[in-house]
Structures are given as structure tokens and as C-alpha cells.
Amino acid sequence: MADIVLSAFWAWYTYDEALTKDLAKKLKPIPLPENPSYKSTDVSIIVATIDTPDSFTDCLRLWLANHPKEIIIVTIDRDLQRVHDLVKPVITDGDDRISVMTAEYASKRYQMVVGIKEAKGKIFAFVDDDAFWGTLKVLPYLLAPLEDPNVGGTTGKQSALIVPGRRNPAVITPWEVASLRSLDNQNYIQSVRSAADGGCFCMVGRTMIVRAEIVMDPRFIHAITTDTWCGKLLNTGDDVFLTRWLQNEGWDIAIQNAPEAEIKTLVFDNSNFLSQLVRWQRSAIQSFLTTIFYEPGIGKIVKWVTCTRHEK
């Protein structure tokens, strides 16, 4: 009997692996439209930041090179001067696209809402303060899926940015290698889920594109700032919340698999990577349980994602 059970498990695993590999190959990049409905100049970039990293200036240069309508940076009073110092090197005469403002308290969700209320674009891009846009076509390629009127949000691939001095087997740490593999695995799983049924368990929070009218809805603003877990107000997990909101409202989420839309990020070279993994898993578990017990309708929309997430 045991042999039969083990054989059945092996057969299922083999089938699942073959299906997964096949699905991963099916997700193709979404091409640029000949006459796009949205341009980079329609995009408001919103950045919620505290303890802003030194690399922020370089990130700003890359965002500006994509020609957005505006960049709205929301920090807190404590960090205001530091943000101004990091922004100053990219300011040029006559360019008023960057604005810096403060929120009353540190909360990524609340800071996002402060930016939402000030933004004027047709499309919003929620961007982390450590997100490096590797090409001048990140925005055009992330906007391409919005040609489909059913798509409410888009996200792309992500990868680790290892500075040249650390691209050496004798220098790079196991933590950096683990980060590289973790991001590659996330890209792989994201492709499989999207190819399976168009589902997306969580948009990549480093850069999320969404139609402005969706997040300007007073219902969304109220919901994202009053969301709780076990009676405690949630300040992070904005990416899983936005993903869940889009799906619950009947919007599709597109995965842009084009290399031109890839987002890079610096990774930890020490055990802080473990703390980051714990935070990610905590948000994922909270969102999964919310989906199952409080908003089960999403499970009907993305059955395959819900099933496989439960299995994992």
C-alpha cells in the first residue's frame, strides 16, 4: 500500500513539474502598441520613503529619464532634510516635476494616500525608494498592457542589482546569492501563475502601475488606511492589498515579462536578508488568510493561484 501511495505522489509531482515548466514558457512579453493610449508623460510616480537610502539619487535619475509627468516623494518631518539633500543633485532649472512633501506619521500606506491626493496623472506608478529602472523604456512597456480596458494594474520582472565590485565569487556573500535566487524564483512563479489563469498573487511592490481612477476612489483610500490584522492597523503590505483590491473589483492584472520593464534592486549582503524574508512571508500569509476567510470571492476568480498557494 505504501508503494502505491508513494508512486501516486511521485506521479503527481512529476506531472505538476511538467505543467509548471510548460506554463512558464507560455507567458510572452506584451509588445508596445503602435499608437499607445497612454504615454510616460501621463504617469505620476509616487514614492513613500523613510530612512531613504543613499542610492535614491541614482534611482531618481533613472525615473526622470523615463519622462514621467511628475514624481511625488512623501516622507516624514524627521527625514525631510535628508530627502531634499538626495533630490538636489537631479534638480535642473525649469524642471518642476519633482515635489517633496511630508505625511503626519510614518506609514507606507498613509504616505501613499498623501501622494495619491496630490497626483495629477492618468496613471499612477507606486515605486519603492530603492527601485532601479534599468532602461529608458520601463514606463512604455509597463503601460502597454493597459491597452486592454480590463487591465487595472501591471507589474514587471525584478532582479538583484549587484555592484561591479561584488561580482566576484571571492567577494559575494551567500546572502547575496540567496537574494538572487529568491528574486529569480519569484519571477518564475509569477510567470506560471499568470499563464495558468491570468492570476497574480502579489504585484511586485517595487514598481506597481495602476489606473488613477482606481486608487483615487474614496473607498480605496478608506480601505487601505483602515485595514487591520488581529485588531492592529497595517502600515505595510501595500502591494498585497492593492493586488487583492484590483481582483476583488473585477480588474485584471497584467504581468509584463519584457526585459525592458525589468526592475532592479540592491540586495542585502548580510543576515538582514532573513528579516526581509520574514516580512514578505508575514504579508503573504496575512493576505492569503484574508483571501480565504474574509474575501473568498477572489478564490473563485483565481482558483489555480489559491490552490497552489495553499499547497505551498
C-alpha atoms as a PDB file:
ATOM      1  CA  MET A   1       0.000   0.000   0.000  1.00  0.00           C
ATOM      2  CA  ALA A   2       2.826   2.371   0.901  1.00  0.00           C
ATOM      3  CA  ASP A   3       4.421   1.766  -2.505  1.00  0.00           C
ATOM      4  CA  ILE A   4       1.183   2.748  -4.233  1.00  0.00           C
ATOM      5  CA  VAL A   5       0.858   5.948  -2.188  1.00  0.00           C
ATOM      6  CA  LEU A   6       4.473   6.945  -2.827  1.00  0.00           C
ATOM      7  CA  SER A   7       4.105   6.190  -6.522  1.00  0.00           C
ATOM      8  CA  ALA A   8       0.979   8.331  -6.674  1.00  0.00           C
ATOM      9  CA  PHE A   9       2.774  11.241  -5.007  1.00  0.00           C
ATOM     10  CA  TRP A  10       5.733  10.859  -7.377  1.00  0.00           C
ATOM     11  CA  ALA A  11       3.409  10.792 -10.394  1.00  0.00           C
ATOM     12  CA  TRP A  12       1.603  13.903  -9.193  1.00  0.00           C
ATOM     13  CA  TYR A  13       4.879  15.731  -8.542  1.00  0.00           C
ATOM     14  CA  THR A  14       6.211  14.789 -11.978  1.00  0.00           C
ATOM     15  CA  TYR A  15       3.014  15.962 -13.658  1.00  0.00           C
ATOM     16  CA  ASP A  16       2.964  19.194 -11.661  1.00  0.00           C
ATOM     17  CA  GLU A  17       6.595  19.961 -12.511  1.00  0.00           C
ATOM     18  CA  ALA A  18       5.989  19.337 -16.219  1.00  0.00           C
ATOM     19  CA  LEU A  19       2.873  21.519 -16.181  1.00  0.00           C
ATOM     20  CA  THR A  20       4.709  24.272 -14.314  1.00  0.00           C
ATOM     21  CA  LYS A  21       7.589  24.332 -16.800  1.00  0.00           C
ATOM     22  CA  ASP A  22       5.158  24.416 -19.716  1.00  0.00           C
ATOM     23  CA  LEU A  23       3.211  27.322 -18.212  1.00  0.00           C
ATOM     24  CA  ALA A  24       6.402  29.269 -17.500  1.00  0.00           C
ATOM     25  CA  LYS A  25       7.232  29.189 -21.219  1.00  0.00           C
ATOM     26  CA  LYS A  26       3.794  30.413 -22.273  1.00  0.00           C
ATOM     27  CA  LEU A  27       3.920  33.901 -20.753  1.00  0.00           C
ATOM     28  CA  LYS A  28       5.233  36.181 -23.505  1.00  0.00           C
ATOM     29  CA  PRO A  29       6.195  39.869 -23.318  1.00  0.00           C
ATOM     30  CA  ILE A  30       3.412  42.280 -24.185  1.00  0.00           C
ATOM     31  CA  PRO A  31       4.601  44.348 -27.194  1.00  0.00           C
ATOM     32  CA  LEU A  32       4.486  48.110 -27.432  1.00  0.00           C
ATOM     33  CA  PRO A  33       1.384  49.373 -29.272  1.00  0.00           C
ATOM     34  CA  GLU A  34       1.834  51.410 -32.441  1.00  0.00           C
ATOM     35  CA  ASN A  35      -0.442  54.159 -31.139  1.00  0.00           C
ATOM     36  CA  PRO A  36      -0.387  53.950 -27.343  1.00  0.00           C
ATOM     37  CA  SER A  37      -3.361  55.188 -25.355  1.00  0.00           C
ATOM     38  CA  TYR A  38      -1.025  56.227 -22.544  1.00  0.00           C
ATOM     39  CA  LYS A  39       2.414  57.787 -22.624  1.00  0.00           C
ATOM     40  CA  SER A  40       5.103  58.200 -19.994  1.00  0.00           C
ATOM     41  CA  THR A  41       4.026  61.806 -19.555  1.00  0.00           C
ATOM     42  CA  ASP A  42       0.652  60.541 -18.294  1.00  0.00           C
ATOM     43  CA  VAL A  43       2.303  58.871 -15.304  1.00  0.00           C
ATOM     44  CA  SER A  44       2.603  60.221 -11.774  1.00  0.00           C
ATOM     45  CA  ILE A  45       5.321  58.422  -9.818  1.00  0.00           C
ATOM     46  CA  ILE A  46       4.538  58.227  -6.098  1.00  0.00           C
ATOM     47  CA  VAL A  47       7.334  57.302  -3.686  1.00  0.00           C
ATOM     48  CA  ALA A  48       6.716  56.727   0.021  1.00  0.00           C
ATOM     49  CA  THR A  49      10.039  56.804   1.856  1.00  0.00           C
ATOM     50  CA  ILE A  50      11.649  56.901   5.288  1.00  0.00           C
ATOM     51  CA  ASP A  51      15.288  56.222   6.145  1.00  0.00           C
ATOM     52  CA  THR A  52      15.927  56.972   2.482  1.00  0.00           C
ATOM     53  CA  PRO A  53      18.995  55.129   1.106  1.00  0.00           C
ATOM     54  CA  ASP A  54      21.996  56.867  -0.463  1.00  0.00           C
ATOM     55  CA  SER A  55      21.139  55.194  -3.783  1.00  0.00           C
ATOM     56  CA  PHE A  56      17.934  57.237  -4.000  1.00  0.00           C
ATOM     57  CA  THR A  57      19.606  59.907  -6.138  1.00  0.00           C
ATOM     58  CA  ASP A  58      20.610  57.349  -8.764  1.00  0.00           C
ATOM     59  CA  CYS A  59      17.086  55.905  -8.747  1.00  0.00           C
ATOM     60  CA  LEU A  60      15.652  59.381  -9.318  1.00  0.00           C
ATOM     61  CA  ARG A  61      17.849  59.893 -12.378  1.00  0.00           C
ATOM     62  CA  LEU A  62      16.579  56.666 -13.910  1.00  0.00           C
ATOM     63  CA  TRP A  63      12.933  57.542 -13.212  1.00  0.00           C
ATOM     64  CA  LEU A  64      13.336  61.010 -14.707  1.00  0.00           C
ATOM     65  CA  ALA A  65      14.961  59.506 -17.805  1.00  0.00           C
ATOM     66  CA  ASN A  66      11.651  57.715 -18.466  1.00  0.00           C
ATOM     67  CA  HIS A  67       9.937  61.135 -18.747  1.00  0.00           C
ATOM     68  CA  PRO A  68       7.086  60.842 -16.231  1.00  0.00           C
ATOM     69  CA  LYS A  69       4.588  63.630 -15.710  1.00  0.00           C
ATOM     70  CA  GLU A  70       5.747  64.108 -12.120  1.00  0.00           C
ATOM     71  CA  ILE A  71       7.481  62.457  -9.182  1.00  0.00           C
ATOM     72  CA  ILE A  72       5.845  62.919  -5.792  1.00  0.00           C
ATOM     73  CA  ILE A  73       8.025  61.972  -2.825  1.00  0.00           C
ATOM     74  CA  VAL A  74       6.304  61.579   0.530  1.00  0.00           C
ATOM     75  CA  THR A  75       8.435  61.333   3.664  1.00  0.00           C
ATOM     76  CA  ILE A  76       8.131  62.464   7.299  1.00  0.00           C
ATOM     77  CA  ASP A  77       9.413  65.617   9.020  1.00  0.00           C
ATOM     78  CA  ARG A  78      12.356  63.768  10.562  1.00  0.00           C
ATOM     79  CA  ASP A  79      13.715  62.764   7.137  1.00  0.00           C
ATOM     80  CA  LEU A  80      12.713  65.832   5.132  1.00  0.00           C
ATOM     81  CA  GLN A  81      16.151  67.439   5.006  1.00  0.00           C
ATOM     82  CA  ARG A  82      17.836  64.192   4.019  1.00  0.00           C
ATOM     83  CA  VAL A  83      15.374  63.696   1.160  1.00  0.00           C
ATOM     84  CA  HIS A  84      15.965  67.262  -0.048  1.00  0.00           C
ATOM     85  CA  ASP A  85      19.725  66.627   0.017  1.00  0.00           C
ATOM     86  CA  LEU A  86      19.324  63.466  -2.071  1.00  0.00           C
ATOM     87  CA  VAL A  87      16.986  65.159  -4.546  1.00  0.00           C
ATOM     88  CA  LYS A  88      19.096  68.293  -5.016  1.00  0.00           C
ATOM     89  CA  PRO A  89      21.684  66.766  -7.433  1.00  0.00           C
ATOM     90  CA  VAL A  90      18.994  65.919 -10.014  1.00  0.00           C
ATOM     91  CA  ILE A  91      17.142  69.229  -9.929  1.00  0.00           C
ATOM     92  CA  THR A  92      17.624  71.344 -13.054  1.00  0.00           C
ATOM     93  CA  ASP A  93      16.404  74.839 -13.840  1.00  0.00           C
ATOM     94  CA  GLY A  94      12.900  74.879 -15.248  1.00  0.00           C
ATOM     95  CA  ASP A  95      12.138  71.267 -14.301  1.00  0.00           C
ATOM     96  CA  ASP A  96       9.408  71.224 -11.682  1.00  0.00           C
ATOM     97  CA  ARG A  97       8.469  67.558 -11.998  1.00  0.00           C
ATOM     98  CA  ILE A  98       9.750  66.611  -8.531  1.00  0.00           C
ATOM     99  CA  SER A  99       7.856  67.590  -5.409  1.00  0.00           C
ATOM    100  CA  VAL A 100       8.633  66.595  -1.828  1.00  0.00           C
ATOM    101  CA  MET A 101       6.019  66.582   0.910  1.00  0.00           C
ATOM    102  CA  THR A 102       5.542  65.121   4.356  1.00  0.00           C
ATOM    103  CA  ALA A 103       2.969  62.891   5.995  1.00  0.00           C
ATOM    104  CA  GLU A 104       1.917  63.274   9.606  1.00  0.00           C
ATOM    105  CA  TYR A 105       3.403  59.926  10.564  1.00  0.00           C
ATOM    106  CA  ALA A 106       5.451  57.085   9.099  1.00  0.00           C
ATOM    107  CA  SER A 107       3.192  54.571   7.372  1.00  0.00           C
ATOM    108  CA  LYS A 108       3.755  53.474   3.820  1.00  0.00           C
ATOM    109  CA  ARG A 109       0.026  53.165   3.175  1.00  0.00           C
ATOM    110  CA  TYR A 110      -0.763  56.586   4.607  1.00  0.00           C
ATOM    111  CA  GLN A 111       2.170  58.169   2.763  1.00  0.00           C
ATOM    112  CA  MET A 112       0.896  56.626  -0.471  1.00  0.00           C
ATOM    113  CA  VAL A 113      -2.514  58.206   0.110  1.00  0.00           C
ATOM    114  CA  VAL A 114      -0.894  61.605   0.691  1.00  0.00           C
ATOM    115  CA  GLY A 115       0.762  61.232  -2.715  1.00  0.00           C
ATOM    116  CA  ILE A 116      -2.424  59.975  -4.377  1.00  0.00           C
ATOM    117  CA  LYS A 117      -4.314  63.083  -3.300  1.00  0.00           C
ATOM    118  CA  GLU A 118      -1.667  65.336  -4.884  1.00  0.00           C
ATOM    119  CA  ALA A 119      -1.034  63.398  -8.112  1.00  0.00           C
ATOM    120  CA  LYS A 120      -2.419  64.636 -11.428  1.00  0.00           C
ATOM    121  CA  GLY A 121      -1.571  61.834 -13.866  1.00  0.00           C
ATOM    122  CA  LYS A 122      -3.953  59.447 -15.585  1.00  0.00           C
ATOM    123  CA  ILE A 123      -1.779  56.565 -14.419  1.00  0.00           C
ATOM    124  CA  PHE A 124      -0.005  56.156 -11.090  1.00  0.00           C
ATOM    125  CA  ALA A 125       3.256  54.305 -10.525  1.00  0.00           C
ATOM    126  CA  PHE A 126       3.909  53.326  -6.914  1.00  0.00           C
ATOM    127  CA  VAL A 127       7.674  52.967  -6.713  1.00  0.00           C
ATOM    128  CA  ASP A 128       9.979  51.914  -3.876  1.00  0.00           C
ATOM    129  CA  ASP A 129      12.860  54.206  -2.980  1.00  0.00           C
ATOM    130  CA  ASP A 130      15.380  51.513  -3.957  1.00  0.00           C
ATOM    131  CA  ALA A 131      13.915  50.608  -7.353  1.00  0.00           C
ATOM    132  CA  PHE A 132      16.360  50.945 -10.243  1.00  0.00           C
ATOM    133  CA  TRP A 133      14.791  51.207 -13.699  1.00  0.00           C
ATOM    134  CA  GLY A 134      17.322  49.607 -15.992  1.00  0.00           C
ATOM    135  CA  THR A 135      16.155  51.034 -19.327  1.00  0.00           C
ATOM    136  CA  LEU A 136      14.577  54.138 -20.837  1.00  0.00           C
ATOM    137  CA  LYS A 137      11.548  52.062 -21.814  1.00  0.00           C
ATOM    138  CA  VAL A 138      10.400  50.803 -18.421  1.00  0.00           C
ATOM    139  CA  LEU A 139       7.322  53.024 -18.408  1.00  0.00           C
ATOM    140  CA  PRO A 140       6.295  52.440 -22.047  1.00  0.00           C
ATOM    141  CA  TYR A 141       6.469  48.674 -21.573  1.00  0.00           C
ATOM    142  CA  LEU A 142       4.629  48.724 -18.243  1.00  0.00           C
ATOM    143  CA  LEU A 143       1.938  50.895 -19.822  1.00  0.00           C
ATOM    144  CA  ALA A 144       1.473  48.586 -22.818  1.00  0.00           C
ATOM    145  CA  PRO A 145      -0.850  46.111 -21.022  1.00  0.00           C
ATOM    146  CA  LEU A 146      -3.260  48.965 -20.234  1.00  0.00           C
ATOM    147  CA  GLU A 147      -4.343  48.952 -23.876  1.00  0.00           C
ATOM    148  CA  ASP A 148      -6.675  46.232 -22.634  1.00  0.00           C
ATOM    149  CA  PRO A 149      -9.501  48.128 -20.873  1.00  0.00           C
ATOM    150  CA  ASN A 150      -9.989  45.215 -18.489  1.00  0.00           C
ATOM    151  CA  VAL A 151      -6.477  45.582 -17.062  1.00  0.00           C
ATOM    152  CA  GLY A 152      -6.350  47.763 -13.970  1.00  0.00           C
ATOM    153  CA  GLY A 153      -2.744  47.237 -12.941  1.00  0.00           C
ATOM    154  CA  THR A 154       0.559  45.986 -14.300  1.00  0.00           C
ATOM    155  CA  THR A 155       3.821  44.822 -12.856  1.00  0.00           C
ATOM    156  CA  GLY A 156       7.069  43.506 -14.289  1.00  0.00           C
ATOM    157  CA  LYS A 157      10.017  41.271 -13.555  1.00  0.00           C
ATOM    158  CA  GLN A 158      12.545  42.021 -10.844  1.00  0.00           C
ATOM    159  CA  SER A 159      16.193  41.215 -10.371  1.00  0.00           C
ATOM    160  CA  ALA A 160      19.055  41.868  -7.992  1.00  0.00           C
ATOM    161  CA  LEU A 161      21.498  44.676  -8.709  1.00  0.00           C
ATOM    162  CA  ILE A 162      24.970  43.535  -7.732  1.00  0.00           C
ATOM    163  CA  VAL A 163      27.510  46.347  -7.999  1.00  0.00           C
ATOM    164  CA  PRO A 164      30.560  45.521 -10.186  1.00  0.00           C
ATOM    165  CA  GLY A 165      32.920  45.326  -7.219  1.00  0.00           C
ATOM    166  CA  ARG A 166      30.904  42.472  -5.725  1.00  0.00           C
ATOM    167  CA  ARG A 167      30.538  40.378  -8.888  1.00  0.00           C
ATOM    168  CA  ASN A 168      33.335  38.118  -7.768  1.00  0.00           C
ATOM    169  CA  PRO A 169      32.977  34.634  -6.255  1.00  0.00           C
ATOM    170  CA  ALA A 170      35.595  35.581  -3.674  1.00  0.00           C
ATOM    171  CA  VAL A 171      33.663  38.674  -2.581  1.00  0.00           C
ATOM    172  CA  ILE A 172      29.950  37.987  -2.983  1.00  0.00           C
ATOM    173  CA  THR A 173      28.263  36.642   0.152  1.00  0.00           C
ATOM    174  CA  PRO A 174      25.858  33.693   0.466  1.00  0.00           C
ATOM    175  CA  TRP A 175      23.166  36.225   1.415  1.00  0.00           C
ATOM    176  CA  GLU A 176      23.515  37.984  -1.930  1.00  0.00           C
ATOM    177  CA  VAL A 177      23.395  34.668  -3.775  1.00  0.00           C
ATOM    178  CA  ALA A 178      20.260  33.733  -1.827  1.00  0.00           C
ATOM    179  CA  SER A 179      18.693  37.074  -2.777  1.00  0.00           C
ATOM    180  CA  LEU A 180      19.485  36.487  -6.444  1.00  0.00           C
ATOM    181  CA  ARG A 181      17.873  33.065  -6.385  1.00  0.00           C
ATOM    182  CA  SER A 182      14.875  34.319  -4.422  1.00  0.00           C
ATOM    183  CA  LEU A 183      14.117  37.038  -6.973  1.00  0.00           C
ATOM    184  CA  ASP A 184      14.601  34.647  -9.892  1.00  0.00           C
ATOM    185  CA  ASN A 185      12.212  32.205  -8.251  1.00  0.00           C
ATOM    186  CA  GLN A 186       9.627  34.940  -7.738  1.00  0.00           C
ATOM    187  CA  ASN A 187       9.802  35.827 -11.433  1.00  0.00           C
ATOM    188  CA  TYR A 188       9.355  32.167 -12.350  1.00  0.00           C
ATOM    189  CA  ILE A 189       6.361  31.651 -10.057  1.00  0.00           C
ATOM    190  CA  GLN A 190       4.800  34.922 -11.187  1.00  0.00           C
ATOM    191  CA  SER A 191       5.007  33.818 -14.824  1.00  0.00           C
ATOM    192  CA  VAL A 192       3.486  30.422 -14.061  1.00  0.00           C
ATOM    193  CA  ARG A 193       0.547  31.853 -12.157  1.00  0.00           C
ATOM    194  CA  SER A 194      -0.224  34.419 -14.814  1.00  0.00           C
ATOM    195  CA  ALA A 195      -0.009  31.878 -17.633  1.00  0.00           C
ATOM    196  CA  ALA A 196      -2.201  29.418 -15.721  1.00  0.00           C
ATOM    197  CA  ASP A 197      -5.294  31.572 -15.327  1.00  0.00           C
ATOM    198  CA  GLY A 198      -4.276  35.224 -15.553  1.00  0.00           C
ATOM    199  CA  GLY A 199      -3.894  35.330 -11.788  1.00  0.00           C
ATOM    200  CA  CYS A 200      -1.413  37.267  -9.698  1.00  0.00           C
ATOM    201  CA  PHE A 201      -0.944  36.538  -6.009  1.00  0.00           C
ATOM    202  CA  CYS A 202       1.010  39.740  -5.382  1.00  0.00           C
ATOM    203  CA  MET A 203       2.149  42.546  -7.661  1.00  0.00           C
ATOM    204  CA  VAL A 204       5.827  43.455  -7.425  1.00  0.00           C
ATOM    205  CA  GLY A 205       5.788  46.288  -4.895  1.00  0.00           C
ATOM    206  CA  ARG A 206       8.988  47.858  -6.194  1.00  0.00           C
ATOM    207  CA  THR A 207       7.028  49.282  -9.126  1.00  0.00           C
ATOM    208  CA  MET A 208       3.265  48.926  -9.494  1.00  0.00           C
ATOM    209  CA  ILE A 209       1.318  50.608 -12.307  1.00  0.00           C
ATOM    210  CA  VAL A 210      -2.387  51.294 -11.745  1.00  0.00           C
ATOM    211  CA  ARG A 211      -5.124  53.377 -13.325  1.00  0.00           C
ATOM    212  CA  ALA A 212      -5.545  56.600 -11.353  1.00  0.00           C
ATOM    213  CA  GLU A 213      -9.311  56.340 -11.006  1.00  0.00           C
ATOM    214  CA  ILE A 214      -8.995  53.032  -9.154  1.00  0.00           C
ATOM    215  CA  VAL A 215      -6.888  54.326  -6.277  1.00  0.00           C
ATOM    216  CA  MET A 216      -8.489  57.776  -6.188  1.00  0.00           C
ATOM    217  CA  ASP A 217     -11.777  56.097  -5.313  1.00  0.00           C
ATOM    218  CA  PRO A 218     -12.676  57.195  -1.743  1.00  0.00           C
ATOM    219  CA  ARG A 219     -13.495  53.558  -0.964  1.00  0.00           C
ATOM    220  CA  PHE A 220      -9.939  52.520  -1.776  1.00  0.00           C
ATOM    221  CA  ILE A 221      -8.398  55.365   0.210  1.00  0.00           C
ATOM    222  CA  HIS A 222     -10.506  54.487   3.234  1.00  0.00           C
ATOM    223  CA  ALA A 223      -9.857  50.755   2.923  1.00  0.00           C
ATOM    224  CA  ILE A 224      -6.068  50.894   2.556  1.00  0.00           C
ATOM    225  CA  THR A 225      -5.670  53.201   5.559  1.00  0.00           C
ATOM    226  CA  THR A 226      -8.053  51.308   7.868  1.00  0.00           C
ATOM    227  CA  ASP A 227      -7.007  47.750   7.006  1.00  0.00           C
ATOM    228  CA  THR A 228      -6.253  45.765  10.163  1.00  0.00           C
ATOM    229  CA  TRP A 229      -4.869  42.394  11.197  1.00  0.00           C
ATOM    230  CA  CYS A 230      -5.904  40.982  14.569  1.00  0.00           C
ATOM    231  CA  GLY A 231      -7.084  44.444  15.525  1.00  0.00           C
ATOM    232  CA  LYS A 232      -3.797  46.136  14.601  1.00  0.00           C
ATOM    233  CA  LEU A 233      -3.629  48.757  11.850  1.00  0.00           C
ATOM    234  CA  LEU A 234      -1.462  47.621   8.936  1.00  0.00           C
ATOM    235  CA  ASN A 235       1.136  50.112   7.728  1.00  0.00           C
ATOM    236  CA  THR A 236       2.913  47.901   5.187  1.00  0.00           C
ATOM    237  CA  GLY A 237       1.746  45.178   2.802  1.00  0.00           C
ATOM    238  CA  ASP A 238       0.515  47.778   0.331  1.00  0.00           C
ATOM    239  CA  ASP A 239       1.384  45.532  -2.614  1.00  0.00           C
ATOM    240  CA  VAL A 240      -0.742  42.589  -1.498  1.00  0.00           C
ATOM    241  CA  PHE A 241      -3.571  44.955  -0.573  1.00  0.00           C
ATOM    242  CA  LEU A 242      -3.567  46.647  -3.979  1.00  0.00           C
ATOM    243  CA  THR A 243      -3.448  43.256  -5.705  1.00  0.00           C
ATOM    244  CA  ARG A 244      -6.385  41.988  -3.698  1.00  0.00           C
ATOM    245  CA  TRP A 245      -8.363  45.192  -4.273  1.00  0.00           C
ATOM    246  CA  LEU A 246      -7.947  45.036  -8.050  1.00  0.00           C
ATOM    247  CA  GLN A 247      -9.050  41.419  -8.171  1.00  0.00           C
ATOM    248  CA  ASN A 248     -11.985  41.995  -5.843  1.00  0.00           C
ATOM    249  CA  GLU A 249     -13.150  44.894  -8.027  1.00  0.00           C
ATOM    250  CA  GLY A 250     -13.047  42.725 -11.138  1.00  0.00           C
ATOM    251  CA  TRP A 251      -9.887  44.165 -12.717  1.00  0.00           C
ATOM    252  CA  ASP A 252      -7.277  42.040 -14.459  1.00  0.00           C
ATOM    253  CA  ILE A 253      -3.610  42.317 -13.505  1.00  0.00           C
ATOM    254  CA  ALA A 254      -1.072  42.010 -16.306  1.00  0.00           C
ATOM    255  CA  ILE A 255       2.447  40.650 -15.936  1.00  0.00           C
ATOM    256  CA  GLN A 256       4.827  42.388 -18.329  1.00  0.00           C
ATOM    257  CA  ASN A 257       7.542  39.832 -18.989  1.00  0.00           C
ATOM    258  CA  ALA A 258       9.580  42.061 -21.302  1.00  0.00           C
ATOM    259  CA  PRO A 259      13.221  42.572 -20.235  1.00  0.00           C
ATOM    260  CA  GLU A 260      12.801  46.296 -20.954  1.00  0.00           C
ATOM    261  CA  ALA A 261      10.397  46.520 -17.996  1.00  0.00           C
ATOM    262  CA  GLU A 262      12.674  44.781 -15.511  1.00  0.00           C
ATOM    263  CA  ILE A 263      13.144  46.452 -12.127  1.00  0.00           C
ATOM    264  CA  LYS A 264      16.419  46.046 -10.265  1.00  0.00           C
ATOM    265  CA  THR A 265      17.114  46.462  -6.560  1.00  0.00           C
ATOM    266  CA  LEU A 266      20.136  46.386  -4.288  1.00  0.00           C
ATOM    267  CA  VAL A 267      20.168  43.336  -2.032  1.00  0.00           C
ATOM    268  CA  PHE A 268      21.464  42.696   1.462  1.00  0.00           C
ATOM    269  CA  ASP A 269      24.940  41.230   1.839  1.00  0.00           C
ATOM    270  CA  ASN A 270      24.254  40.090   5.406  1.00  0.00           C
ATOM    271  CA  SER A 271      21.663  38.330   7.548  1.00  0.00           C
ATOM    272  CA  ASN A 272      19.240  41.258   7.210  1.00  0.00           C
ATOM    273  CA  PHE A 273      18.004  39.293   4.214  1.00  0.00           C
ATOM    274  CA  LEU A 274      16.320  36.893   6.648  1.00  0.00           C
ATOM    275  CA  SER A 275      14.389  39.736   8.276  1.00  0.00           C
ATOM    276  CA  GLN A 276      13.241  40.823   4.827  1.00  0.00           C
ATOM    277  CA  LEU A 277      12.038  37.311   4.032  1.00  0.00           C
ATOM    278  CA  VAL A 278      10.107  37.188   7.307  1.00  0.00           C
ATOM    279  CA  ARG A 279       8.345  40.461   6.464  1.00  0.00           C
ATOM    280  CA  TRP A 280       7.437  39.219   2.978  1.00  0.00           C
ATOM    281  CA  GLN A 281       6.120  35.913   4.269  1.00  0.00           C
ATOM    282  CA  ARG A 282       4.134  37.640   7.009  1.00  0.00           C
ATOM    283  CA  SER A 283       2.385  39.851   4.455  1.00  0.00           C
ATOM    284  CA  ALA A 284       1.808  36.877   2.137  1.00  0.00           C
ATOM    285  CA  ILE A 285       0.266  34.767   4.905  1.00  0.00           C
ATOM    286  CA  GLN A 286      -1.935  37.621   6.095  1.00  0.00           C
ATOM    287  CA  SER A 287      -3.171  38.258   2.563  1.00  0.00           C
ATOM    288  CA  PHE A 288      -3.744  34.555   1.904  1.00  0.00           C
ATOM    289  CA  LEU A 289      -5.822  34.095   5.055  1.00  0.00           C
ATOM    290  CA  THR A 290      -7.769  37.260   4.275  1.00  0.00           C
ATOM    291  CA  THR A 291      -8.476  35.926   0.793  1.00  0.00           C
ATOM    292  CA  ILE A 292      -9.661  32.577   2.110  1.00  0.00           C
ATOM    293  CA  PHE A 293     -11.743  33.647   5.096  1.00  0.00           C
ATOM    294  CA  TYR A 294     -12.779  37.274   4.541  1.00  0.00           C
ATOM    295  CA  GLU A 295     -12.826  37.778   0.784  1.00  0.00           C
ATOM    296  CA  PRO A 296     -13.416  34.274  -0.619  1.00  0.00           C
ATOM    297  CA  GLY A 297     -14.718  35.687  -3.888  1.00  0.00           C
ATOM    298  CA  ILE A 298     -11.149  36.222  -5.050  1.00  0.00           C
ATOM    299  CA  GLY A 299     -10.566  32.487  -4.787  1.00  0.00           C
ATOM    300  CA  LYS A 300     -13.258  31.947  -7.414  1.00  0.00           C
ATOM    301  CA  ILE A 301     -11.524  34.392  -9.750  1.00  0.00           C
ATOM    302  CA  VAL A 302      -8.065  32.865  -9.422  1.00  0.00           C
ATOM    303  CA  LYS A 303      -8.686  29.258  -8.439  1.00  0.00           C
ATOM    304  CA  TRP A 304      -5.303  27.954  -9.552  1.00  0.00           C
ATOM    305  CA  VAL A 305      -3.384  30.615  -7.633  1.00  0.00           C
ATOM    306  CA  THR A 306      -5.370  29.980  -4.465  1.00  0.00           C
ATOM    307  CA  CYS A 307      -4.927  26.217  -4.744  1.00  0.00           C
ATOM    308  CA  THR A 308      -1.197  26.267  -5.378  1.00  0.00           C
ATOM    309  CA  ARG A 309      -0.566  28.895  -2.744  1.00  0.00           C
ATOM    310  CA  HIS A 310      -2.337  26.676  -0.227  1.00  0.00           C
ATOM    311  CA  GLU A 311      -0.240  23.695  -1.291  1.00  0.00           C
ATOM    312  CA  LYS A 312       2.989  25.616  -0.848  1.00  0.00           C
END
